[in-house]
Structure formats: C-alpha cells, structure tokens
Amino acid sequence: AQFYNVTSTTTGTLQDGKPWKTTTIKKRSGTGVAPMITLVSFLRTKKNGPHVAS
C-alpha cells in the first residue's frame, strides 16, 4: 500500500501457533529519514485525511 510518501508492507507469520500480521511502515526510498509513526496514527490519518493532530 502507498500513502503519500509512505509505504507499508504487511507480512503474515505464526507465533505460538496463532497467525499474526505485522505491518511495517516507512517512507519511500529517497525521501530522507523515516518518520516516527505508529500504525494507529497511520490508520487515523488515512481515515480522517492528511490533517494530523500532534
């Protein structure tokens, strides 16, 4: 998935016999240092638009 200058990669794994999905979010290559961003704030931004409350 791509969102502004951010890419996210979701991988599925098994831990203790249970399926887990891990999503890694980072800036696209060539855009500098990756921001400190959580999945929750990423999804909130995706839902509410680009206006991020600090």
N, C-alpha and C. Protein backbone atom coordinates (compact mmCIF):
# COMPACT_ATOMS: atom_id res chain seq x y z
N ALA A 1 0.85 -1.19 0.00
CA ALA A 1 0.00 0.00 0.00
C ALA A 1 0.87 1.23 0.00
N GLN A 2 0.42 2.26 -0.65
CA GLN A 2 1.17 3.52 -0.66
C GLN A 2 0.26 4.63 -0.18
N PHE A 3 0.77 5.50 0.66
CA PHE A 3 0.00 6.59 1.24
C PHE A 3 0.92 7.78 1.37
N TYR A 4 0.70 8.81 0.55
CA TYR A 4 1.61 9.95 0.47
C TYR A 4 3.01 9.42 0.20
N ASN A 5 4.02 9.82 1.01
CA ASN A 5 5.39 9.33 0.80
C ASN A 5 5.69 8.13 1.69
N VAL A 6 4.66 7.35 2.00
CA VAL A 6 4.81 6.24 2.94
C VAL A 6 4.46 4.94 2.23
N THR A 7 5.22 3.90 2.52
CA THR A 7 4.86 2.57 2.04
C THR A 7 4.66 1.67 3.24
N SER A 8 3.75 0.74 3.13
CA SER A 8 3.54 -0.22 4.21
C SER A 8 3.59 -1.62 3.63
N THR A 9 4.22 -2.51 4.39
CA THR A 9 4.34 -3.90 3.99
C THR A 9 3.77 -4.76 5.10
N THR A 10 2.82 -5.61 4.77
CA THR A 10 2.21 -6.49 5.77
C THR A 10 2.67 -7.92 5.51
N THR A 11 3.18 -8.56 6.57
CA THR A 11 3.62 -9.94 6.45
C THR A 11 2.87 -10.78 7.46
N GLY A 12 2.56 -12.00 7.09
CA GLY A 12 1.88 -12.92 8.00
C GLY A 12 2.86 -13.93 8.55
N THR A 13 2.78 -14.17 9.85
CA THR A 13 3.65 -15.14 10.50
C THR A 13 2.83 -15.95 11.49
N LEU A 14 3.43 -17.01 11.99
CA LEU A 14 2.82 -17.79 13.06
C LEU A 14 3.63 -17.62 14.33
N GLN A 15 2.96 -17.26 15.42
CA GLN A 15 3.61 -17.18 16.72
C GLN A 15 2.77 -17.97 17.70
N ASP A 16 3.38 -18.93 18.38
CA ASP A 16 2.66 -19.80 19.31
C ASP A 16 1.46 -20.47 18.64
N GLY A 17 1.61 -20.79 17.36
CA GLY A 17 0.55 -21.47 16.64
C GLY A 17 -0.60 -20.58 16.20
N LYS A 18 -0.47 -19.26 16.42
CA LYS A 18 -1.54 -18.34 16.04
C LYS A 18 -1.05 -17.44 14.92
N PRO A 19 -1.91 -17.13 13.94
CA PRO A 19 -1.49 -16.23 12.86
C PRO A 19 -1.39 -14.79 13.33
N TRP A 20 -0.31 -14.14 12.95
CA TRP A 20 -0.11 -12.73 13.28
C TRP A 20 0.22 -11.99 11.99
N LYS A 21 -0.28 -10.78 11.87
CA LYS A 21 0.10 -9.93 10.75
C LYS A 21 0.90 -8.75 11.29
N THR A 22 2.05 -8.53 10.70
CA THR A 22 2.91 -7.43 11.10
C THR A 22 3.00 -6.45 9.95
N THR A 23 2.72 -5.19 10.22
CA THR A 23 2.79 -4.16 9.19
C THR A 23 3.96 -3.23 9.47
N THR A 24 4.84 -3.10 8.50
CA THR A 24 5.97 -2.19 8.61
C THR A 24 5.68 -0.96 7.76
N ILE A 25 5.81 0.21 8.37
CA ILE A 25 5.52 1.46 7.67
C ILE A 25 6.79 2.29 7.60
N LYS A 26 7.13 2.75 6.42
CA LYS A 26 8.31 3.60 6.28
C LYS A 26 8.16 4.51 5.08
N LYS A 27 8.98 5.56 5.09
CA LYS A 27 8.96 6.47 3.95
C LYS A 27 9.54 5.78 2.73
N ARG A 28 9.08 6.18 1.56
CA ARG A 28 9.64 5.63 0.33
C ARG A 28 11.09 6.02 0.22
N SER A 29 11.87 5.19 -0.45
CA SER A 29 13.29 5.46 -0.61
C SER A 29 13.48 6.80 -1.31
N GLY A 30 14.51 7.53 -0.86
CA GLY A 30 14.82 8.80 -1.47
C GLY A 30 14.11 9.98 -0.83
N THR A 31 13.37 9.74 0.24
CA THR A 31 12.65 10.83 0.89
C THR A 31 13.27 11.20 2.23
N GLY A 32 14.42 10.64 2.57
CA GLY A 32 15.07 11.02 3.81
C GLY A 32 14.84 10.02 4.92
N VAL A 33 14.97 10.50 6.14
CA VAL A 33 14.86 9.64 7.32
C VAL A 33 13.40 9.26 7.54
N ALA A 34 13.18 8.02 7.91
CA ALA A 34 11.83 7.55 8.16
C ALA A 34 11.26 8.25 9.39
N PRO A 35 9.99 8.62 9.35
CA PRO A 35 9.37 9.31 10.48
C PRO A 35 9.00 8.32 11.58
N MET A 36 8.86 8.84 12.79
CA MET A 36 8.35 8.01 13.87
C MET A 36 6.83 8.00 13.72
N ILE A 37 6.30 6.87 13.30
CA ILE A 37 4.86 6.79 13.04
C ILE A 37 4.36 5.45 13.52
N THR A 38 3.18 5.45 14.11
CA THR A 38 2.60 4.20 14.58
C THR A 38 1.49 3.78 13.63
N LEU A 39 1.15 2.52 13.67
CA LEU A 39 0.08 2.03 12.82
C LEU A 39 -1.23 2.73 13.15
N VAL A 40 -1.46 3.02 14.43
CA VAL A 40 -2.70 3.68 14.84
C VAL A 40 -2.79 5.07 14.22
N SER A 41 -1.71 5.85 14.31
CA SER A 41 -1.76 7.20 13.75
C SER A 41 -1.83 7.15 12.23
N PHE A 42 -1.19 6.15 11.63
CA PHE A 42 -1.26 5.97 10.18
C PHE A 42 -2.70 5.71 9.73
N LEU A 43 -3.37 4.80 10.42
CA LEU A 43 -4.75 4.47 10.06
C LEU A 43 -5.69 5.64 10.35
N ARG A 44 -5.43 6.36 11.46
CA ARG A 44 -6.26 7.52 11.79
C ARG A 44 -6.11 8.58 10.70
N THR A 45 -4.88 8.80 10.25
CA THR A 45 -4.63 9.77 9.19
C THR A 45 -5.30 9.33 7.90
N LYS A 46 -5.22 8.04 7.61
CA LYS A 46 -5.84 7.51 6.40
C LYS A 46 -7.36 7.69 6.45
N LYS A 47 -7.93 7.54 7.64
CA LYS A 47 -9.37 7.67 7.81
C LYS A 47 -9.82 9.13 7.78
N ASN A 48 -9.08 9.99 8.48
CA ASN A 48 -9.51 11.37 8.68
C ASN A 48 -8.92 12.36 7.69
N GLY A 49 -7.97 11.91 6.88
CA GLY A 49 -7.35 12.83 5.94
C GLY A 49 -5.97 13.25 6.42
N PRO A 50 -5.31 14.11 5.65
CA PRO A 50 -3.91 14.44 5.92
C PRO A 50 -3.70 15.39 7.09
N HIS A 51 -4.77 15.84 7.76
CA HIS A 51 -4.60 16.76 8.89
C HIS A 51 -4.28 15.96 10.13
N VAL A 52 -3.01 15.96 10.54
CA VAL A 52 -2.56 15.15 11.67
C VAL A 52 -2.46 16.04 12.90
N ALA A 53 -3.13 15.65 13.97
CA ALA A 53 -3.02 16.39 15.23
C ALA A 53 -1.78 15.92 15.97
N SER A 54 -0.99 16.87 16.47
CA SER A 54 0.21 16.46 17.19
C SER A 54 -0.08 16.30 18.66
